[in-house]
């Protein structure tokens, strides 16, 4: 049995109020740094990961570094886990994107699998690269526990893929900063045992 621990980076500017962050390399906020330490502590106590893989963007690298340090393992940054390329929408507010292109914005909210961002990627593009890394991780770490530090979009797409759901199910998953998703992989099937678990971030 292989255990995948899928988390999202900590809080950054552009989450509240929300913007299309994508490839914008924004750093963790002080609150995000605290979240990274909290999820690192929980992972270290609950699992024994042998490796950590992160997006190449700084917010994931910093979150992954906290986890790797706490667990005494190495972190590897991989471009396959990088956030979706929002193209012309990058760093726009949702209000601005909706005002400039109401048809595409409405489609994004109702049928995200049909959208290609102007000058950017589609969810299918994201799935191709993220699933490539997933296959590598499952082949390289069979029987181990491995941490993947991704982005909201990456995690949603990977969850759809692992659970055999179409990309039209993208919005069925919520992915808060520094959450925990735990997937047990048998070699043929995936079992989701935790989804968007943030108990480690709650006040004691």
N, C-alpha and C. Protein backbone atom coordinates (compact mmCIF):
# COMPACT_ATOMS: atom_id res chain seq x y z
N UNK A 1 0.85 -1.20 0.00
CA UNK A 1 0.00 0.00 0.00
C UNK A 1 0.88 1.25 0.00
N UNK A 2 0.60 2.15 -0.90
CA UNK A 2 1.32 3.42 -0.97
C UNK A 2 0.39 4.52 -0.45
N UNK A 3 0.92 5.36 0.42
CA UNK A 3 0.12 6.45 0.98
C UNK A 3 0.57 7.77 0.37
N UNK A 4 -0.36 8.46 -0.25
CA UNK A 4 -0.11 9.79 -0.79
C UNK A 4 -0.69 10.82 0.16
N UNK A 5 0.14 11.72 0.63
CA UNK A 5 -0.31 12.82 1.49
C UNK A 5 -0.26 14.08 0.62
N UNK A 6 -1.42 14.53 0.22
CA UNK A 6 -1.54 15.66 -0.70
C UNK A 6 -1.94 16.90 0.09
N UNK A 7 -1.11 17.93 0.04
CA UNK A 7 -1.42 19.17 0.74
C UNK A 7 -1.29 20.35 -0.21
N UNK A 8 -1.80 21.46 0.23
CA UNK A 8 -1.69 22.71 -0.53
C UNK A 8 -0.75 23.64 0.23
N UNK A 9 -0.12 24.53 -0.47
CA UNK A 9 0.76 25.52 0.17
C UNK A 9 0.00 26.36 1.18
N UNK A 10 0.73 27.07 2.04
CA UNK A 10 0.12 27.94 3.03
C UNK A 10 -0.44 29.23 2.43
N UNK A 11 -1.04 30.00 3.28
CA UNK A 11 -1.72 31.23 2.87
C UNK A 11 -0.75 32.21 2.22
N UNK A 12 -1.21 32.82 1.13
CA UNK A 12 -0.43 33.83 0.40
C UNK A 12 -1.33 35.00 0.05
N UNK A 13 -0.75 36.17 -0.26
CA UNK A 13 -1.57 37.25 -0.81
C UNK A 13 -2.24 36.77 -2.10
N UNK A 14 -3.48 37.19 -2.30
CA UNK A 14 -4.20 36.78 -3.49
C UNK A 14 -5.20 35.67 -3.24
N UNK A 15 -5.21 35.12 -2.01
CA UNK A 15 -6.25 34.15 -1.65
C UNK A 15 -7.45 34.88 -1.08
N UNK A 16 -7.20 35.83 -0.19
CA UNK A 16 -8.26 36.67 0.38
C UNK A 16 -7.79 38.11 0.34
N UNK A 17 -8.45 38.97 -0.47
CA UNK A 17 -9.48 38.66 -1.47
C UNK A 17 -8.87 37.88 -2.63
N UNK A 18 -9.71 37.13 -3.31
CA UNK A 18 -9.21 36.14 -4.26
C UNK A 18 -8.82 36.72 -5.61
N UNK A 19 -7.66 36.26 -6.09
CA UNK A 19 -7.18 36.56 -7.44
C UNK A 19 -6.79 35.25 -8.12
N UNK A 20 -6.68 35.30 -9.45
CA UNK A 20 -6.15 34.17 -10.20
C UNK A 20 -4.63 34.20 -10.08
N UNK A 21 -4.09 33.43 -9.14
CA UNK A 21 -2.66 33.51 -8.83
C UNK A 21 -1.81 32.80 -9.88
N UNK A 22 -2.12 31.55 -10.16
CA UNK A 22 -1.41 30.82 -11.19
C UNK A 22 0.10 30.83 -11.00
N UNK A 23 0.82 31.30 -12.04
CA UNK A 23 2.28 31.26 -12.02
C UNK A 23 2.90 32.47 -11.31
N UNK A 24 2.07 33.36 -10.77
CA UNK A 24 2.60 34.48 -9.99
C UNK A 24 3.31 33.91 -8.76
N UNK A 25 4.58 34.22 -8.61
CA UNK A 25 5.37 33.59 -7.54
C UNK A 25 5.30 34.43 -6.26
N UNK A 26 4.17 34.33 -5.58
CA UNK A 26 3.97 35.09 -4.34
C UNK A 26 4.44 34.24 -3.15
N UNK A 27 5.04 34.92 -2.17
CA UNK A 27 5.60 34.23 -1.01
C UNK A 27 4.52 33.97 0.05
N UNK A 28 4.78 33.01 0.90
CA UNK A 28 3.89 32.76 2.04
C UNK A 28 3.79 34.01 2.90
N UNK A 29 2.60 34.28 3.39
CA UNK A 29 2.42 35.34 4.38
C UNK A 29 2.88 34.80 5.74
N UNK A 30 3.02 35.65 6.76
CA UNK A 30 3.36 35.13 8.09
C UNK A 30 2.37 34.07 8.56
N UNK A 31 1.08 34.27 8.27
CA UNK A 31 0.09 33.25 8.63
C UNK A 31 0.33 31.97 7.85
N UNK A 32 0.71 32.09 6.58
CA UNK A 32 1.02 30.93 5.77
C UNK A 32 2.22 30.16 6.27
N UNK A 33 3.22 30.88 6.77
CA UNK A 33 4.39 30.22 7.36
C UNK A 33 4.00 29.42 8.60
N UNK A 34 3.11 29.98 9.41
CA UNK A 34 2.64 29.25 10.60
C UNK A 34 1.84 28.01 10.18
N UNK A 35 1.04 28.15 9.14
CA UNK A 35 0.28 27.00 8.65
C UNK A 35 1.22 25.89 8.16
N UNK A 36 2.29 26.29 7.47
CA UNK A 36 3.25 25.31 6.97
C UNK A 36 3.89 24.54 8.12
N UNK A 37 4.23 25.23 9.19
CA UNK A 37 4.81 24.55 10.35
C UNK A 37 3.79 23.63 11.00
N UNK A 38 2.52 24.04 11.02
CA UNK A 38 1.48 23.22 11.64
C UNK A 38 1.24 21.93 10.85
N UNK A 39 1.15 22.05 9.53
CA UNK A 39 0.92 20.83 8.74
C UNK A 39 2.16 19.95 8.77
N UNK A 40 3.35 20.56 8.83
CA UNK A 40 4.58 19.79 8.92
C UNK A 40 4.61 18.96 10.20
N UNK A 41 4.21 19.58 11.30
CA UNK A 41 4.19 18.88 12.58
C UNK A 41 3.21 17.71 12.55
N UNK A 42 2.05 17.94 11.96
CA UNK A 42 1.05 16.86 11.92
C UNK A 42 1.52 15.71 11.04
N UNK A 43 2.08 16.03 9.88
CA UNK A 43 2.56 14.98 8.99
C UNK A 43 3.67 14.18 9.67
N UNK A 44 4.58 14.87 10.36
CA UNK A 44 5.69 14.19 11.03
C UNK A 44 5.19 13.24 12.11
N UNK A 45 4.12 13.62 12.81
CA UNK A 45 3.60 12.78 13.88
C UNK A 45 2.71 11.65 13.37
N UNK A 46 2.00 11.88 12.27
CA UNK A 46 1.02 10.89 11.80
C UNK A 46 1.55 9.95 10.72
N UNK A 47 2.59 10.38 10.01
CA UNK A 47 3.11 9.59 8.89
C UNK A 47 4.64 9.54 8.97
N UNK A 48 5.20 8.68 8.16
CA UNK A 48 6.66 8.63 8.03
C UNK A 48 7.01 8.73 6.55
N UNK A 49 6.84 9.90 5.98
CA UNK A 49 7.10 10.04 4.54
C UNK A 49 8.57 9.84 4.22
N UNK A 50 8.81 9.25 3.07
CA UNK A 50 10.18 9.03 2.61
C UNK A 50 10.64 10.12 1.65
N UNK A 51 9.70 10.92 1.17
CA UNK A 51 10.06 11.99 0.23
C UNK A 51 8.96 13.04 0.20
N UNK A 52 9.35 14.23 -0.20
CA UNK A 52 8.41 15.34 -0.39
C UNK A 52 8.63 15.90 -1.80
N UNK A 53 7.55 16.04 -2.55
CA UNK A 53 7.60 16.65 -3.88
C UNK A 53 6.76 17.92 -3.87
N UNK A 54 7.31 18.99 -4.44
CA UNK A 54 6.59 20.26 -4.44
C UNK A 54 6.57 20.87 -5.84
N UNK A 55 5.66 21.79 -6.03
CA UNK A 55 5.67 22.66 -7.20
C UNK A 55 6.97 23.47 -7.20
N UNK A 56 7.30 24.05 -8.34
CA UNK A 56 8.50 24.88 -8.44
C UNK A 56 8.25 26.32 -7.99
N UNK A 57 7.03 26.64 -7.61
CA UNK A 57 6.73 27.99 -7.14
C UNK A 57 7.07 28.12 -5.65
N UNK A 58 7.53 29.32 -5.28
CA UNK A 58 8.08 29.54 -3.95
C UNK A 58 7.16 29.18 -2.81
N UNK A 59 5.87 29.41 -2.97
CA UNK A 59 4.93 29.13 -1.87
C UNK A 59 4.86 27.64 -1.55
N UNK A 60 5.01 26.81 -2.58
CA UNK A 60 5.03 25.36 -2.35
C UNK A 60 6.39 24.89 -1.88
N UNK A 61 7.45 25.48 -2.43
CA UNK A 61 8.80 25.11 -1.99
C UNK A 61 8.97 25.40 -0.50
N UNK A 62 8.49 26.56 -0.04
CA UNK A 62 8.61 26.91 1.38
C UNK A 62 7.80 25.98 2.26
N UNK A 63 6.58 25.65 1.81
CA UNK A 63 5.74 24.73 2.58
C UNK A 63 6.39 23.35 2.62
N UNK A 64 6.88 22.90 1.47
CA UNK A 64 7.53 21.59 1.40
C UNK A 64 8.81 21.53 2.22
N UNK A 65 9.54 22.64 2.27
CA UNK A 65 10.78 22.67 3.05
C UNK A 65 10.48 22.50 4.54
N UNK A 66 9.40 23.11 5.01
CA UNK A 66 9.02 22.95 6.42
C UNK A 66 8.67 21.50 6.72
N UNK A 67 7.94 20.87 5.80
CA UNK A 67 7.55 19.47 5.99
C UNK A 67 8.78 18.56 5.95
N UNK A 68 9.63 18.77 4.96
CA UNK A 68 10.83 17.93 4.81
C UNK A 68 11.75 18.04 6.02
N UNK A 69 11.92 19.28 6.52
CA UNK A 69 12.79 19.48 7.68
C UNK A 69 12.25 18.77 8.91
N UNK A 70 10.94 18.86 9.11
CA UNK A 70 10.33 18.23 10.28
C UNK A 70 10.39 16.71 10.18
N UNK A 71 10.31 16.19 8.96
CA UNK A 71 10.27 14.74 8.76
C UNK A 71 11.65 14.14 8.50
N UNK A 72 12.67 14.98 8.33
CA UNK A 72 14.01 14.49 8.09
C UNK A 72 14.20 13.83 6.74
N UNK A 73 13.51 14.35 5.72
CA UNK A 73 13.64 13.81 4.37
C UNK A 73 13.96 14.95 3.41
N UNK A 74 14.19 14.59 2.16
CA UNK A 74 14.54 15.58 1.14
C UNK A 74 13.30 16.03 0.39
N UNK A 75 13.27 17.31 0.01
CA UNK A 75 12.19 17.84 -0.81
C UNK A 75 12.69 18.03 -2.24
N UNK A 76 11.85 17.68 -3.20
CA UNK A 76 12.18 17.81 -4.62
C UNK A 76 11.14 18.71 -5.28
N UNK A 77 11.58 19.74 -5.98
CA UNK A 77 10.63 20.61 -6.69
C UNK A 77 10.48 20.12 -8.12
N UNK A 78 9.22 20.02 -8.58
CA UNK A 78 8.92 19.49 -9.91
C UNK A 78 7.93 20.41 -10.63
N UNK A 79 8.23 20.76 -11.89
CA UNK A 79 7.34 21.66 -12.63
C UNK A 79 5.96 21.07 -12.90
N UNK A 80 5.86 19.73 -12.88
CA UNK A 80 4.56 19.10 -13.15
C UNK A 80 3.51 19.48 -12.10
N UNK A 81 3.97 19.88 -10.91
CA UNK A 81 3.04 20.25 -9.83
C UNK A 81 2.74 21.74 -9.80
N UNK A 82 3.31 22.51 -10.72
CA UNK A 82 3.08 23.96 -10.70
C UNK A 82 1.63 24.30 -11.01
N UNK A 83 1.21 25.44 -10.53
CA UNK A 83 -0.18 25.86 -10.68
C UNK A 83 -0.55 25.99 -12.14
N UNK A 84 -1.84 25.95 -12.42
CA UNK A 84 -2.32 26.12 -13.78
C UNK A 84 -1.93 27.50 -14.30
N UNK A 85 -1.64 27.57 -15.58
CA UNK A 85 -1.30 28.84 -16.21
C UNK A 85 -2.59 29.54 -16.61
N UNK A 86 -2.93 30.60 -15.89
CA UNK A 86 -4.16 31.34 -16.18
C UNK A 86 -3.99 32.33 -17.33
N UNK A 87 -2.81 32.40 -17.91
CA UNK A 87 -2.61 33.27 -19.07
C UNK A 87 -2.96 34.71 -18.78
N UNK A 88 -3.82 35.28 -19.60
CA UNK A 88 -4.20 36.69 -19.49
C UNK A 88 -4.97 36.99 -18.21
N UNK A 89 -5.47 35.95 -17.55
CA UNK A 89 -6.23 36.17 -16.31
C UNK A 89 -5.34 36.22 -15.08
N UNK A 90 -4.06 35.91 -15.21
CA UNK A 90 -3.20 35.85 -14.03
C UNK A 90 -3.21 37.16 -13.26
N UNK A 91 -3.42 37.04 -11.95
CA UNK A 91 -3.46 38.12 -10.97
C UNK A 91 -4.67 39.03 -11.12
N UNK A 92 -5.59 38.69 -11.99
CA UNK A 92 -6.84 39.46 -12.05
C UNK A 92 -7.73 39.02 -10.89
N UNK A 93 -8.56 39.94 -10.41
CA UNK A 93 -9.59 39.55 -9.46
C UNK A 93 -10.68 38.81 -10.22
N UNK A 94 -11.49 38.06 -9.50
CA UNK A 94 -12.59 37.36 -10.14
C UNK A 94 -13.59 38.36 -10.73
N UNK A 95 -13.75 39.47 -10.05
CA UNK A 95 -14.68 40.50 -10.55
C UNK A 95 -14.20 41.07 -11.88
N UNK A 96 -12.90 41.32 -11.99
CA UNK A 96 -12.35 41.86 -13.24
C UNK A 96 -12.46 40.84 -14.37
N UNK A 97 -12.13 39.59 -14.09
CA UNK A 97 -12.22 38.55 -15.13
C UNK A 97 -13.65 38.38 -15.61
N UNK A 98 -14.59 38.42 -14.68
CA UNK A 98 -16.00 38.28 -15.05
C UNK A 98 -16.47 39.45 -15.88
N UNK A 99 -16.03 40.66 -15.53
CA UNK A 99 -16.44 41.85 -16.28
C UNK A 99 -15.85 41.86 -17.68
N UNK A 100 -14.61 41.39 -17.83
CA UNK A 100 -13.94 41.43 -19.13
C UNK A 100 -14.37 40.30 -20.05
N UNK A 101 -14.70 39.15 -19.50
CA UNK A 101 -15.05 37.99 -20.32
C UNK A 101 -16.13 37.17 -19.62
N UNK A 102 -17.35 37.70 -19.57
CA UNK A 102 -18.40 37.05 -18.78
C UNK A 102 -18.74 35.63 -19.25
N UNK A 103 -18.65 35.36 -20.55
CA UNK A 103 -18.99 34.03 -21.04
C UNK A 103 -17.99 32.98 -20.57
N UNK A 104 -16.70 33.29 -20.71
CA UNK A 104 -15.68 32.34 -20.27
C UNK A 104 -15.72 32.17 -18.76
N UNK A 105 -15.94 33.27 -18.04
CA UNK A 105 -15.99 33.18 -16.59
C UNK A 105 -17.16 32.30 -16.15
N UNK A 106 -18.31 32.48 -16.76
CA UNK A 106 -19.48 31.66 -16.41
C UNK A 106 -19.21 30.18 -16.71
N UNK A 107 -18.53 29.92 -17.82
CA UNK A 107 -18.20 28.53 -18.17
C UNK A 107 -17.23 27.94 -17.15
N UNK A 108 -16.26 28.74 -16.71
CA UNK A 108 -15.31 28.29 -15.70
C UNK A 108 -16.01 27.89 -14.42
N UNK A 109 -17.03 28.61 -14.04
CA UNK A 109 -17.73 28.31 -12.79
C UNK A 109 -18.71 27.14 -12.93
N UNK A 110 -19.14 26.83 -14.15
CA UNK A 110 -20.16 25.79 -14.33
C UNK A 110 -19.66 24.55 -15.07
N UNK A 111 -18.69 24.72 -15.96
CA UNK A 111 -18.15 23.60 -16.73
C UNK A 111 -16.65 23.81 -16.93
N UNK A 112 -15.87 23.74 -15.85
CA UNK A 112 -14.46 24.10 -15.91
C UNK A 112 -13.64 23.26 -16.89
N UNK A 113 -14.09 22.05 -17.14
CA UNK A 113 -13.36 21.15 -18.05
C UNK A 113 -13.42 21.61 -19.50
N UNK A 114 -14.27 22.58 -19.80
CA UNK A 114 -14.41 23.08 -21.17
C UNK A 114 -13.63 24.36 -21.42
N UNK A 115 -12.94 24.85 -20.40
CA UNK A 115 -12.28 26.16 -20.50
C UNK A 115 -10.78 26.01 -20.78
N UNK A 116 -10.31 26.83 -21.72
CA UNK A 116 -8.88 27.08 -21.86
C UNK A 116 -8.69 28.57 -21.59
N UNK A 117 -7.85 28.89 -20.62
CA UNK A 117 -7.65 30.29 -20.27
C UNK A 117 -6.93 31.02 -21.41
N UNK A 118 -7.34 32.25 -21.70
CA UNK A 118 -6.73 32.99 -22.82
C UNK A 118 -5.21 33.09 -22.65
N UNK A 119 -4.48 32.49 -23.58
CA UNK A 119 -3.02 32.50 -23.49
C UNK A 119 -2.46 31.56 -22.44
N UNK A 120 -3.30 30.68 -21.90
CA UNK A 120 -2.87 29.80 -20.82
C UNK A 120 -3.25 28.35 -21.05
N UNK A 121 -3.48 27.63 -19.97
CA UNK A 121 -3.74 26.19 -20.01
C UNK A 121 -5.21 25.87 -19.83
N UNK A 122 -5.52 24.61 -20.06
CA UNK A 122 -6.81 24.02 -19.71
C UNK A 122 -6.59 23.02 -18.58
N UNK A 123 -7.68 22.55 -17.98
CA UNK A 123 -7.55 21.51 -16.96
C UNK A 123 -6.96 20.23 -17.54
N UNK A 124 -7.25 19.97 -18.82
CA UNK A 124 -6.67 18.79 -19.47
C UNK A 124 -5.14 18.90 -19.54
N UNK A 125 -4.65 20.10 -19.86
CA UNK A 125 -3.19 20.31 -19.89
C UNK A 125 -2.59 20.04 -18.51
N UNK A 126 -3.25 20.55 -17.50
CA UNK A 126 -2.77 20.37 -16.13
C UNK A 126 -2.78 18.90 -15.75
N UNK A 127 -3.84 18.20 -16.13
CA UNK A 127 -3.95 16.77 -15.80
C UNK A 127 -2.82 15.97 -16.44
N UNK A 128 -2.49 16.28 -17.68
CA UNK A 128 -1.43 15.53 -18.38
C UNK A 128 -0.12 15.60 -17.61
N UNK A 129 0.28 16.81 -17.23
CA UNK A 129 1.58 16.94 -16.56
C UNK A 129 1.54 16.45 -15.12
N UNK A 130 0.46 16.75 -14.40
CA UNK A 130 0.38 16.32 -13.00
C UNK A 130 0.29 14.80 -12.89
N UNK A 131 -0.44 14.17 -13.80
CA UNK A 131 -0.55 12.71 -13.75
C UNK A 131 0.75 12.03 -14.15
N UNK A 132 1.56 12.71 -14.98
CA UNK A 132 2.90 12.18 -15.30
C UNK A 132 3.73 12.05 -14.02
N UNK A 133 3.71 13.09 -13.20
CA UNK A 133 4.46 13.03 -11.95
C UNK A 133 3.87 11.99 -11.01
N UNK A 134 2.55 11.91 -10.97
CA UNK A 134 1.91 10.93 -10.10
C UNK A 134 2.36 9.52 -10.44
N UNK A 135 2.41 9.20 -11.72
CA UNK A 135 2.87 7.87 -12.13
C UNK A 135 4.32 7.63 -11.69
N UNK A 136 5.15 8.66 -11.83
CA UNK A 136 6.54 8.54 -11.40
C UNK A 136 6.63 8.28 -9.90
N UNK A 137 5.87 9.02 -9.12
CA UNK A 137 5.90 8.88 -7.66
C UNK A 137 5.42 7.49 -7.25
N UNK A 138 4.32 7.02 -7.84
CA UNK A 138 3.78 5.71 -7.47
C UNK A 138 4.74 4.59 -7.85
N UNK A 139 5.44 4.76 -8.97
CA UNK A 139 6.40 3.73 -9.39
C UNK A 139 7.68 3.77 -8.55
N UNK A 140 8.09 4.97 -8.16
CA UNK A 140 9.36 5.13 -7.44
C UNK A 140 9.25 4.90 -5.95
N UNK A 141 8.04 5.01 -5.40
CA UNK A 141 7.86 4.94 -3.95
C UNK A 141 6.78 3.93 -3.55
N UNK A 142 6.71 2.83 -4.28
CA UNK A 142 5.71 1.81 -3.96
C UNK A 142 5.87 1.32 -2.53
N UNK A 143 4.76 1.28 -1.80
CA UNK A 143 4.77 0.82 -0.42
C UNK A 143 5.23 1.85 0.58
N UNK A 144 5.48 3.07 0.13
CA UNK A 144 5.96 4.13 1.02
C UNK A 144 4.88 5.19 1.21
N UNK A 145 5.19 6.17 2.05
CA UNK A 145 4.35 7.35 2.23
C UNK A 145 5.08 8.54 1.63
N UNK A 146 4.39 9.29 0.79
CA UNK A 146 5.01 10.40 0.06
C UNK A 146 4.11 11.62 0.16
N UNK A 147 4.74 12.79 0.34
CA UNK A 147 4.01 14.06 0.42
C UNK A 147 4.11 14.78 -0.92
N UNK A 148 2.98 15.26 -1.40
CA UNK A 148 2.93 16.13 -2.58
C UNK A 148 2.39 17.48 -2.14
N UNK A 149 3.13 18.54 -2.42
CA UNK A 149 2.70 19.90 -2.06
C UNK A 149 2.34 20.63 -3.34
N UNK A 150 1.04 20.84 -3.53
CA UNK A 150 0.56 21.45 -4.77
C UNK A 150 -0.24 22.70 -4.53
N UNK A 151 -1.07 22.98 -5.51
CA UNK A 151 -1.92 24.17 -5.52
C UNK A 151 -3.38 23.73 -5.55
N UNK A 152 -4.27 24.67 -5.31
CA UNK A 152 -5.70 24.39 -5.33
C UNK A 152 -6.08 23.63 -6.61
N UNK A 153 -5.71 24.17 -7.76
CA UNK A 153 -6.09 23.56 -9.04
C UNK A 153 -5.44 22.19 -9.22
N UNK A 154 -4.17 22.09 -8.89
CA UNK A 154 -3.44 20.82 -9.05
C UNK A 154 -4.08 19.74 -8.19
N UNK A 155 -4.36 20.07 -6.94
CA UNK A 155 -4.91 19.08 -6.03
C UNK A 155 -6.29 18.61 -6.47
N UNK A 156 -7.13 19.53 -6.91
CA UNK A 156 -8.47 19.15 -7.38
C UNK A 156 -8.37 18.19 -8.56
N UNK A 157 -7.48 18.51 -9.50
CA UNK A 157 -7.32 17.67 -10.69
C UNK A 157 -6.77 16.29 -10.31
N UNK A 158 -5.80 16.24 -9.41
CA UNK A 158 -5.25 14.95 -8.99
C UNK A 158 -6.29 14.12 -8.25
N UNK A 159 -7.12 14.76 -7.43
CA UNK A 159 -8.16 14.02 -6.73
C UNK A 159 -9.17 13.44 -7.71
N UNK A 160 -9.57 14.23 -8.70
CA UNK A 160 -10.47 13.72 -9.74
C UNK A 160 -9.84 12.50 -10.42
N UNK A 161 -8.58 12.62 -10.78
CA UNK A 161 -7.89 11.55 -11.51
C UNK A 161 -7.78 10.28 -10.66
N UNK A 162 -7.35 10.43 -9.43
CA UNK A 162 -7.16 9.26 -8.57
C UNK A 162 -8.47 8.54 -8.27
N UNK A 163 -9.54 9.30 -8.16
CA UNK A 163 -10.83 8.72 -7.79
C UNK A 163 -11.68 8.34 -9.01
N UNK A 164 -11.11 8.50 -10.20
CA UNK A 164 -11.83 8.11 -11.41
C UNK A 164 -12.97 9.02 -11.77
N UNK A 165 -12.88 10.28 -11.36
CA UNK A 165 -13.94 11.25 -11.65
C UNK A 165 -13.55 12.10 -12.85
N UNK A 166 -14.53 12.55 -13.62
CA UNK A 166 -14.23 13.44 -14.75
C UNK A 166 -13.82 14.82 -14.24
N UNK A 167 -13.14 15.57 -15.09
CA UNK A 167 -12.73 16.92 -14.70
C UNK A 167 -13.91 17.85 -14.49
N UNK A 168 -15.07 17.47 -14.95
CA UNK A 168 -16.28 18.26 -14.67
C UNK A 168 -16.60 18.26 -13.18
N UNK A 169 -16.00 17.33 -12.41
CA UNK A 169 -16.20 17.27 -10.95
C UNK A 169 -15.24 18.17 -10.19
N UNK A 170 -14.48 18.97 -10.90
CA UNK A 170 -13.44 19.83 -10.32
C UNK A 170 -13.91 20.61 -9.10
N UNK A 171 -15.08 21.21 -9.17
CA UNK A 171 -15.57 22.07 -8.08
C UNK A 171 -16.14 21.28 -6.90
N UNK A 172 -16.17 19.96 -6.99
CA UNK A 172 -16.72 19.17 -5.88
C UNK A 172 -15.75 19.07 -4.70
N UNK A 173 -14.51 19.44 -4.93
CA UNK A 173 -13.50 19.38 -3.87
C UNK A 173 -13.15 20.79 -3.41
N UNK A 174 -13.04 20.94 -2.10
CA UNK A 174 -12.52 22.18 -1.52
C UNK A 174 -11.10 21.91 -1.06
N UNK A 175 -10.20 22.87 -1.29
CA UNK A 175 -8.80 22.70 -0.92
C UNK A 175 -8.30 23.95 -0.21
N UNK A 176 -8.33 23.91 1.11
CA UNK A 176 -7.86 25.04 1.90
C UNK A 176 -6.34 25.01 2.03
N UNK A 177 -5.73 26.16 2.34
CA UNK A 177 -4.27 26.18 2.52
C UNK A 177 -3.81 25.21 3.60
N UNK A 178 -2.74 24.49 3.30
CA UNK A 178 -2.12 23.54 4.24
C UNK A 178 -3.10 22.52 4.80
N UNK A 179 -4.01 22.07 3.96
CA UNK A 179 -4.92 21.00 4.34
C UNK A 179 -4.23 19.64 4.23
N UNK A 180 -4.96 18.59 4.53
CA UNK A 180 -4.46 17.23 4.32
C UNK A 180 -5.48 16.43 3.54
N UNK A 181 -5.02 15.84 2.44
CA UNK A 181 -5.77 14.80 1.74
C UNK A 181 -4.91 13.55 1.82
N UNK A 182 -5.49 12.45 2.22
CA UNK A 182 -4.73 11.20 2.34
C UNK A 182 -5.38 10.16 1.45
N UNK A 183 -4.58 9.62 0.54
CA UNK A 183 -5.06 8.64 -0.43
C UNK A 183 -4.23 7.37 -0.29
N UNK A 184 -4.90 6.25 -0.11
CA UNK A 184 -4.23 4.95 -0.06
C UNK A 184 -4.32 4.32 -1.44
N UNK A 185 -3.17 3.99 -2.02
CA UNK A 185 -3.10 3.41 -3.36
C UNK A 185 -2.71 1.94 -3.27
N UNK A 186 -3.58 1.07 -3.77
CA UNK A 186 -3.34 -0.38 -3.68
C UNK A 186 -2.49 -0.91 -4.83
N UNK A 187 -2.32 -0.11 -5.85
CA UNK A 187 -1.67 -0.56 -7.07
C UNK A 187 -2.63 -0.55 -8.23
N UNK A 188 -3.93 -0.63 -7.89
CA UNK A 188 -4.97 -0.57 -8.92
C UNK A 188 -6.08 0.41 -8.57
N UNK A 189 -6.28 0.64 -7.28
CA UNK A 189 -7.38 1.49 -6.84
C UNK A 189 -6.92 2.47 -5.77
N UNK A 190 -7.65 3.59 -5.68
CA UNK A 190 -7.36 4.61 -4.67
C UNK A 190 -8.51 4.71 -3.69
N UNK A 191 -8.16 4.85 -2.41
CA UNK A 191 -9.15 5.08 -1.36
C UNK A 191 -8.82 6.39 -0.68
N UNK A 192 -9.76 7.32 -0.70
CA UNK A 192 -9.58 8.62 -0.06
C UNK A 192 -10.00 8.53 1.39
N UNK A 193 -9.04 8.60 2.31
CA UNK A 193 -9.36 8.46 3.73
C UNK A 193 -9.49 9.80 4.45
N UNK A 194 -8.89 10.86 3.88
CA UNK A 194 -9.06 12.22 4.41
C UNK A 194 -9.14 13.18 3.24
N UNK A 195 -9.98 14.20 3.39
CA UNK A 195 -10.08 15.21 2.34
C UNK A 195 -10.23 16.58 2.97
N UNK A 196 -9.35 17.49 2.60
CA UNK A 196 -9.38 18.88 3.11
C UNK A 196 -9.44 18.93 4.63
N UNK A 197 -8.68 18.06 5.27
CA UNK A 197 -8.61 18.01 6.73
C UNK A 197 -7.71 19.15 7.21
N UNK A 198 -8.26 20.03 8.03
CA UNK A 198 -7.50 21.18 8.55
C UNK A 198 -7.53 21.23 10.08
N UNK A 199 -7.72 20.08 10.72
CA UNK A 199 -7.82 20.06 12.19
C UNK A 199 -6.57 20.63 12.85
N UNK A 200 -5.42 20.46 12.22
CA UNK A 200 -4.16 20.96 12.78
C UNK A 200 -4.05 22.48 12.73
N UNK A 201 -4.95 23.12 11.99
CA UNK A 201 -4.93 24.58 11.88
C UNK A 201 -5.92 25.25 12.81
N UNK A 202 -6.73 24.46 13.50
CA UNK A 202 -7.76 25.02 14.37
C UNK A 202 -7.16 25.46 15.70
N UNK A 203 -7.71 26.52 16.29
CA UNK A 203 -7.22 26.96 17.61
C UNK A 203 -7.41 25.85 18.64
N UNK A 204 -6.44 25.67 19.50
CA UNK A 204 -6.54 24.63 20.53
C UNK A 204 -7.33 25.14 21.72
